[in-house]
PDB file of N, CA and C in Angstrom:
ATOM      1  N   UNK A   1       4.086 -33.170   1.438  1.00  0.00           N
ATOM      2  CA  UNK A   1       3.947 -31.862   0.814  1.00  0.00           C
ATOM      3  C   UNK A   1       4.841 -31.832  -0.416  1.00  0.00           C
ATOM      4  N   UNK A   2       4.230 -31.666  -1.571  1.00  0.00           N
ATOM      5  CA  UNK A   2       4.979 -31.685  -2.816  1.00  0.00           C
ATOM      6  C   UNK A   2       5.424 -30.298  -3.243  1.00  0.00           C
ATOM      7  N   UNK A   3       6.127 -30.280  -4.351  1.00  0.00           N
ATOM      8  CA  UNK A   3       6.627 -29.014  -4.887  1.00  0.00           C
ATOM      9  C   UNK A   3       5.493 -28.101  -5.325  1.00  0.00           C
ATOM     10  N   UNK A   4       4.405 -28.695  -5.803  1.00  0.00           N
ATOM     11  CA  UNK A   4       3.260 -27.882  -6.224  1.00  0.00           C
ATOM     12  C   UNK A   4       2.681 -27.100  -5.052  1.00  0.00           C
ATOM     13  N   UNK A   5       2.565 -27.753  -3.923  1.00  0.00           N
ATOM     14  CA  UNK A   5       2.031 -27.097  -2.732  1.00  0.00           C
ATOM     15  C   UNK A   5       2.957 -25.991  -2.260  1.00  0.00           C
ATOM     16  N   UNK A   6       4.243 -26.264  -2.240  1.00  0.00           N
ATOM     17  CA  UNK A   6       5.225 -25.261  -1.817  1.00  0.00           C
ATOM     18  C   UNK A   6       5.218 -24.062  -2.746  1.00  0.00           C
ATOM     19  N   UNK A   7       5.163 -24.319  -4.042  1.00  0.00           N
ATOM     20  CA  UNK A   7       5.120 -23.227  -5.010  1.00  0.00           C
ATOM     21  C   UNK A   7       3.850 -22.405  -4.853  1.00  0.00           C
ATOM     22  N   UNK A   8       2.743 -23.049  -4.561  1.00  0.00           N
ATOM     23  CA  UNK A   8       1.484 -22.336  -4.352  1.00  0.00           C
ATOM     24  C   UNK A   8       1.566 -21.442  -3.122  1.00  0.00           C
ATOM     25  N   UNK A   9       2.138 -21.949  -2.046  1.00  0.00           N
ATOM     26  CA  UNK A   9       2.287 -21.154  -0.825  1.00  0.00           C
ATOM     27  C   UNK A   9       3.176 -19.950  -1.068  1.00  0.00           C
ATOM     28  N   UNK A  10       4.289 -20.140  -1.757  1.00  0.00           N
ATOM     29  CA  UNK A  10       5.204 -19.030  -2.067  1.00  0.00           C
ATOM     30  C   UNK A  10       4.504 -18.001  -2.946  1.00  0.00           C
ATOM     31  N   UNK A  11       3.759 -18.449  -3.945  1.00  0.00           N
ATOM     32  CA  UNK A  11       3.054 -17.535  -4.841  1.00  0.00           C
ATOM     33  C   UNK A  11       2.003 -16.721  -4.087  1.00  0.00           C
ATOM     34  N   UNK A  12       1.278 -17.347  -3.171  1.00  0.00           N
ATOM     35  CA  UNK A  12       0.256 -16.641  -2.392  1.00  0.00           C
ATOM     36  C   UNK A  12       0.901 -15.592  -1.487  1.00  0.00           C
ATOM     37  N   UNK A  13       2.011 -15.938  -0.865  1.00  0.00           N
ATOM     38  CA  UNK A  13       2.701 -14.985   0.016  1.00  0.00           C
ATOM     39  C   UNK A  13       3.233 -13.804  -0.792  1.00  0.00           C
ATOM     40  N   UNK A  14       3.841 -14.068  -1.937  1.00  0.00           N
ATOM     41  CA  UNK A  14       4.381 -12.994  -2.784  1.00  0.00           C
ATOM     42  C   UNK A  14       3.254 -12.081  -3.265  1.00  0.00           C
ATOM     43  N   UNK A  15       2.150 -12.668  -3.703  1.00  0.00           N
ATOM     44  CA  UNK A  15       1.009 -11.859  -4.149  1.00  0.00           C
ATOM     45  C   UNK A  15       0.430 -11.034  -3.003  1.00  0.00           C
ATOM     46  N   UNK A  16       0.378 -11.603  -1.813  1.00  0.00           N
ATOM     47  CA  UNK A  16      -0.110 -10.862  -0.652  1.00  0.00           C
ATOM     48  C   UNK A  16       0.776  -9.683  -0.297  1.00  0.00           C
ATOM     49  N   UNK A  17       2.079  -9.878  -0.397  1.00  0.00           N
ATOM     50  CA  UNK A  17       3.023  -8.784  -0.114  1.00  0.00           C
ATOM     51  C   UNK A  17       2.859  -7.673  -1.142  1.00  0.00           C
ATOM     52  N   UNK A  18       2.761  -8.044  -2.409  1.00  0.00           N
ATOM     53  CA  UNK A  18       2.581  -7.033  -3.461  1.00  0.00           C
ATOM     54  C   UNK A  18       1.244  -6.318  -3.280  1.00  0.00           C
ATOM     55  N   UNK A  19       0.206  -7.062  -2.931  1.00  0.00           N
ATOM     56  CA  UNK A  19      -1.130  -6.483  -2.738  1.00  0.00           C
ATOM     57  C   UNK A  19      -1.119  -5.445  -1.620  1.00  0.00           C
ATOM     58  N   UNK A  20      -0.417  -5.720  -0.535  1.00  0.00           N
ATOM     59  CA  UNK A  20      -0.409  -4.819   0.622  1.00  0.00           C
ATOM     60  C   UNK A  20       0.763  -3.834   0.616  1.00  0.00           C
ATOM     61  N   UNK A  21       1.496  -3.779  -0.466  1.00  0.00           N
ATOM     62  CA  UNK A  21       2.653  -2.888  -0.560  1.00  0.00           C
ATOM     63  C   UNK A  21       2.315  -1.421  -0.280  1.00  0.00           C
ATOM     64  N   UNK A  22       1.235  -0.849  -0.841  1.00  0.00           N
ATOM     65  CA  UNK A  22       0.921   0.551  -0.514  1.00  0.00           C
ATOM     66  C   UNK A  22       0.709   0.787   0.981  1.00  0.00           C
ATOM     67  N   UNK A  23       0.062  -0.146   1.654  1.00  0.00           N
ATOM     68  CA  UNK A  23      -0.158   0.012   3.094  1.00  0.00           C
ATOM     69  C   UNK A  23       1.161  -0.058   3.855  1.00  0.00           C
ATOM     70  N   UNK A  24       2.014  -0.979   3.467  1.00  0.00           N
ATOM     71  CA  UNK A  24       3.328  -1.090   4.113  1.00  0.00           C
ATOM     72  C   UNK A  24       4.117   0.204   3.941  1.00  0.00           C
ATOM     73  N   UNK A  25       4.118   0.759   2.750  1.00  0.00           N
ATOM     74  CA  UNK A  25       4.840   2.013   2.491  1.00  0.00           C
ATOM     75  C   UNK A  25       4.260   3.134   3.345  1.00  0.00           C
ATOM     76  N   UNK A  26       2.932   3.224   3.413  1.00  0.00           N
ATOM     77  CA  UNK A  26       2.291   4.296   4.185  1.00  0.00           C
ATOM     78  C   UNK A  26       2.628   4.202   5.668  1.00  0.00           C
ATOM     79  N   UNK A  27       2.583   3.007   6.230  1.00  0.00           N
ATOM     80  CA  UNK A  27       2.894   2.846   7.654  1.00  0.00           C
ATOM     81  C   UNK A  27       4.384   3.049   7.914  1.00  0.00           C
ATOM     82  N   UNK A  28       5.217   2.643   6.982  1.00  0.00           N
ATOM     83  CA  UNK A  28       6.657   2.807   7.140  1.00  0.00           C
ATOM     84  C   UNK A  28       7.063   4.278   7.081  1.00  0.00           C
ATOM     85  N   UNK A  29       6.351   5.064   6.290  1.00  0.00           N
ATOM     86  CA  UNK A  29       6.636   6.502   6.169  1.00  0.00           C
ATOM     87  C   UNK A  29       5.852   7.339   7.171  1.00  0.00           C
ATOM     88  N   UNK A  30       5.074   6.700   8.022  1.00  0.00           N
ATOM     89  CA  UNK A  30       4.268   7.377   9.057  1.00  0.00           C
ATOM     90  C   UNK A  30       3.361   8.446   8.454  1.00  0.00           C
ATOM     91  N   UNK A  31       2.669   8.079   7.393  1.00  0.00           N
ATOM     92  CA  UNK A  31       1.741   9.006   6.747  1.00  0.00           C
ATOM     93  C   UNK A  31       0.578   9.307   7.688  1.00  0.00           C
ATOM     94  N   UNK A  32       0.069  10.535   7.616  1.00  0.00           N
ATOM     95  CA  UNK A  32      -1.060  10.914   8.468  1.00  0.00           C
ATOM     96  C   UNK A  32      -2.306  10.112   8.117  1.00  0.00           C
ATOM     97  N   UNK A  33      -2.498   9.826   6.833  1.00  0.00           N
ATOM     98  CA  UNK A  33      -3.698   9.129   6.391  1.00  0.00           C
ATOM     99  C   UNK A  33      -3.429   7.649   6.115  1.00  0.00           C
ATOM    100  N   UNK A  34      -2.548   7.038   6.889  1.00  0.00           N
ATOM    101  CA  UNK A  34      -2.164   5.645   6.642  1.00  0.00           C
ATOM    102  C   UNK A  34      -3.320   4.674   6.844  1.00  0.00           C
ATOM    103  N   UNK A  35      -4.237   4.985   7.751  1.00  0.00           N
ATOM    104  CA  UNK A  35      -5.375   4.086   7.967  1.00  0.00           C
ATOM    105  C   UNK A  35      -6.341   4.164   6.783  1.00  0.00           C
ATOM    106  N   UNK A  36      -6.501   5.343   6.205  1.00  0.00           N
ATOM    107  CA  UNK A  36      -7.326   5.485   5.013  1.00  0.00           C
ATOM    108  C   UNK A  36      -6.696   4.722   3.844  1.00  0.00           C
ATOM    109  N   UNK A  37      -5.382   4.807   3.723  1.00  0.00           N
ATOM    110  CA  UNK A  37      -4.681   4.079   2.671  1.00  0.00           C
ATOM    111  C   UNK A  37      -4.869   2.578   2.866  1.00  0.00           C
ATOM    112  N   UNK A  38      -4.813   2.116   4.105  1.00  0.00           N
ATOM    113  CA  UNK A  38      -5.031   0.691   4.383  1.00  0.00           C
ATOM    114  C   UNK A  38      -6.438   0.257   3.980  1.00  0.00           C
ATOM    115  N   UNK A  39      -7.433   1.062   4.309  1.00  0.00           N
ATOM    116  CA  UNK A  39      -8.815   0.727   3.960  1.00  0.00           C
ATOM    117  C   UNK A  39      -8.991   0.700   2.443  1.00  0.00           C
ATOM    118  N   UNK A  40      -8.469   1.701   1.757  1.00  0.00           N
ATOM    119  CA  UNK A  40      -8.552   1.726   0.297  1.00  0.00           C
ATOM    120  C   UNK A  40      -7.823   0.525  -0.279  1.00  0.00           C
ATOM    121  N   UNK A  41      -6.658   0.221   0.256  1.00  0.00           N
ATOM    122  CA  UNK A  41      -5.863  -0.893  -0.240  1.00  0.00           C
ATOM    123  C   UNK A  41      -6.584  -2.230  -0.057  1.00  0.00           C
ATOM    124  N   UNK A  42      -7.172  -2.443   1.108  1.00  0.00           N
ATOM    125  CA  UNK A  42      -7.816  -3.724   1.386  1.00  0.00           C
ATOM    126  C   UNK A  42      -9.121  -3.875   0.602  1.00  0.00           C
ATOM    127  N   UNK A  43      -9.954  -2.827   0.578  1.00  0.00           N
ATOM    128  CA  UNK A  43     -11.272  -2.965  -0.016  1.00  0.00           C
ATOM    129  C   UNK A  43     -11.318  -2.653  -1.513  1.00  0.00           C
ATOM    130  N   UNK A  44     -10.452  -1.763  -1.999  1.00  0.00           N
ATOM    131  CA  UNK A  44     -10.467  -1.411  -3.412  1.00  0.00           C
ATOM    132  C   UNK A  44      -9.226  -1.879  -4.151  1.00  0.00           C
ATOM    133  N   UNK A  45      -8.288  -2.476  -3.439  1.00  0.00           N
ATOM    134  CA  UNK A  45      -7.043  -2.901  -4.050  1.00  0.00           C
ATOM    135  C   UNK A  45      -7.200  -4.055  -5.023  1.00  0.00           C
ATOM    136  N   UNK A  46      -8.324  -4.756  -4.963  1.00  0.00           N
ATOM    137  CA  UNK A  46      -8.571  -5.844  -5.890  1.00  0.00           C
ATOM    138  C   UNK A  46      -8.684  -5.370  -7.319  1.00  0.00           C
ATOM    139  N   UNK A  47      -9.179  -4.145  -7.483  1.00  0.00           N
ATOM    140  CA  UNK A  47      -9.157  -3.547  -8.812  1.00  0.00           C
ATOM    141  C   UNK A  47      -7.815  -2.844  -8.942  1.00  0.00           C
ATOM    142  N   UNK A  48      -7.259  -2.890 -10.100  1.00  0.00           N
ATOM    143  CA  UNK A  48      -5.928  -2.311 -10.298  1.00  0.00           C
ATOM    144  C   UNK A  48      -5.939  -0.808 -10.036  1.00  0.00           C
ATOM    145  N   UNK A  49      -7.039  -0.151 -10.363  1.00  0.00           N
ATOM    146  CA  UNK A  49      -7.133   1.299 -10.149  1.00  0.00           C
ATOM    147  C   UNK A  49      -7.122   1.622  -8.657  1.00  0.00           C
ATOM    148  N   UNK A  50      -7.853   0.854  -7.845  1.00  0.00           N
ATOM    149  CA  UNK A  50      -7.840   1.068  -6.399  1.00  0.00           C
ATOM    150  C   UNK A  50      -6.459   0.874  -5.816  1.00  0.00           C
ATOM    151  N   UNK A  51      -5.739  -0.129  -6.322  1.00  0.00           N
ATOM    152  CA  UNK A  51      -4.375  -0.381  -5.847  1.00  0.00           C
ATOM    153  C   UNK A  51      -3.458   0.783  -6.235  1.00  0.00           C
ATOM    154  N   UNK A  52      -3.620   1.294  -7.459  1.00  0.00           N
ATOM    155  CA  UNK A  52      -2.801   2.434  -7.887  1.00  0.00           C
ATOM    156  C   UNK A  52      -3.102   3.684  -7.074  1.00  0.00           C
ATOM    157  N   UNK A  53      -4.362   3.904  -6.740  1.00  0.00           N
ATOM    158  CA  UNK A  53      -4.724   5.064  -5.910  1.00  0.00           C
ATOM    159  C   UNK A  53      -4.064   4.947  -4.538  1.00  0.00           C
ATOM    160  N   UNK A  54      -4.126   3.776  -3.936  1.00  0.00           N
ATOM    161  CA  UNK A  54      -3.491   3.573  -2.629  1.00  0.00           C
ATOM    162  C   UNK A  54      -1.982   3.757  -2.725  1.00  0.00           C
ATOM    163  N   UNK A  55      -1.376   3.248  -3.792  1.00  0.00           N
ATOM    164  CA  UNK A  55       0.067   3.409  -3.979  1.00  0.00           C
ATOM    165  C   UNK A  55       0.436   4.877  -4.166  1.00  0.00           C
ATOM    166  N   UNK A  56      -0.358   5.600  -4.938  1.00  0.00           N
ATOM    167  CA  UNK A  56      -0.104   7.035  -5.137  1.00  0.00           C
ATOM    168  C   UNK A  56      -0.199   7.785  -3.816  1.00  0.00           C
ATOM    169  N   UNK A  57      -1.250   7.497  -3.051  1.00  0.00           N
ATOM    170  CA  UNK A  57      -1.415   8.185  -1.773  1.00  0.00           C
ATOM    171  C   UNK A  57      -0.275   7.863  -0.814  1.00  0.00           C
ATOM    172  N   UNK A  58       0.245   6.650  -0.872  1.00  0.00           N
ATOM    173  CA  UNK A  58       1.316   6.239   0.034  1.00  0.00           C
ATOM    174  C   UNK A  58       2.662   6.835  -0.354  1.00  0.00           C
ATOM    175  N   UNK A  59       2.864   7.095  -1.636  1.00  0.00           N
ATOM    176  CA  UNK A  59       4.186   7.542  -2.081  1.00  0.00           C
ATOM    177  C   UNK A  59       4.289   9.037  -2.334  1.00  0.00           C
ATOM    178  N   UNK A  60       3.172   9.748  -2.365  1.00  0.00           N
ATOM    179  CA  UNK A  60       3.273  11.184  -2.632  1.00  0.00           C
ATOM    180  C   UNK A  60       3.877  11.903  -1.437  1.00  0.00           C
ATOM    181  N   UNK A  61       4.544  12.988  -1.727  1.00  0.00           N
ATOM    182  CA  UNK A  61       5.158  13.766  -0.658  1.00  0.00           C
ATOM    183  C   UNK A  61       4.136  14.719  -0.076  1.00  0.00           C
ATOM    184  N   UNK A  62       4.276  15.013   1.179  1.00  0.00           N
ATOM    185  CA  UNK A  62       3.360  15.916   1.860  1.00  0.00           C
ATOM    186  C   UNK A  62       3.599  17.337   1.382  1.00  0.00           C
ATOM    187  N   UNK A  63       2.532  18.070   1.272  1.00  0.00           N
ATOM    188  CA  UNK A  63       2.640  19.476   0.866  1.00  0.00           C
ATOM    189  C   UNK A  63       3.327  20.261   1.970  1.00  0.00           C
ATOM    190  N   UNK A  64       4.260  21.091   1.588  1.00  0.00           N
ATOM    191  CA  UNK A  64       4.985  21.912   2.552  1.00  0.00           C
ATOM    192  C   UNK A  64       4.150  23.157   2.815  1.00  0.00           C
ATOM    193  N   UNK A  65       3.843  23.341   4.056  1.00  0.00           N
ATOM    194  CA  UNK A  65       3.062  24.520   4.439  1.00  0.00           C
ATOM    195  C   UNK A  65       4.021  25.576   4.959  1.00  0.00           C
ATOM    196  N   UNK A  66       4.162  26.618   4.204  1.00  0.00           N
ATOM    197  CA  UNK A  66       5.078  27.679   4.572  1.00  0.00           C
ATOM    198  C   UNK A  66       4.460  28.655   5.548  1.00  0.00           C
ATOM    199  N   UNK A  67       5.303  29.298   6.291  1.00  0.00           N
ATOM    200  CA  UNK A  67       4.857  30.329   7.226  1.00  0.00           C
ATOM    201  C   UNK A  67       4.949  31.665   6.496  1.00  0.00           C
ATOM    202  N   UNK A  68       3.837  32.374   6.477  1.00  0.00           N
ATOM    203  CA  UNK A  68       3.834  33.668   5.795  1.00  0.00           C
ATOM    204  C   UNK A  68       4.558  34.681   6.643  1.00  0.00           C
ATOM    205  N   UNK A  69       5.491  35.350   6.004  1.00  0.00           N
ATOM    206  CA  UNK A  69       6.232  36.387   6.739  1.00  0.00           C
ATOM    207  C   UNK A  69       5.564  37.741   6.490  1.00  0.00           C
ATOM    208  N   UNK A  70       5.722  38.613   7.444  1.00  0.00           N
ATOM    209  CA  UNK A  70       5.066  39.920   7.371  1.00  0.00           C
ATOM    210  C   UNK A  70       5.750  40.860   6.459  1.00  0.00           C
TER     211      UNK A  70
END
């Protein structure tokens, strides 16, 4: 196994981690729609826009639902 092979393996692993980063963030933050984010990330993440949408969904804060007082 030469250096070229090792470098290729490292590059593939790094790219895979970056590719799945939105899903990792969503599952780590226990988002309600984490499975939807995973599906968007896996199937549309190949396009940069799909990856950005998944990243946005994973990092946005949840809307605070206030209780209306009388």
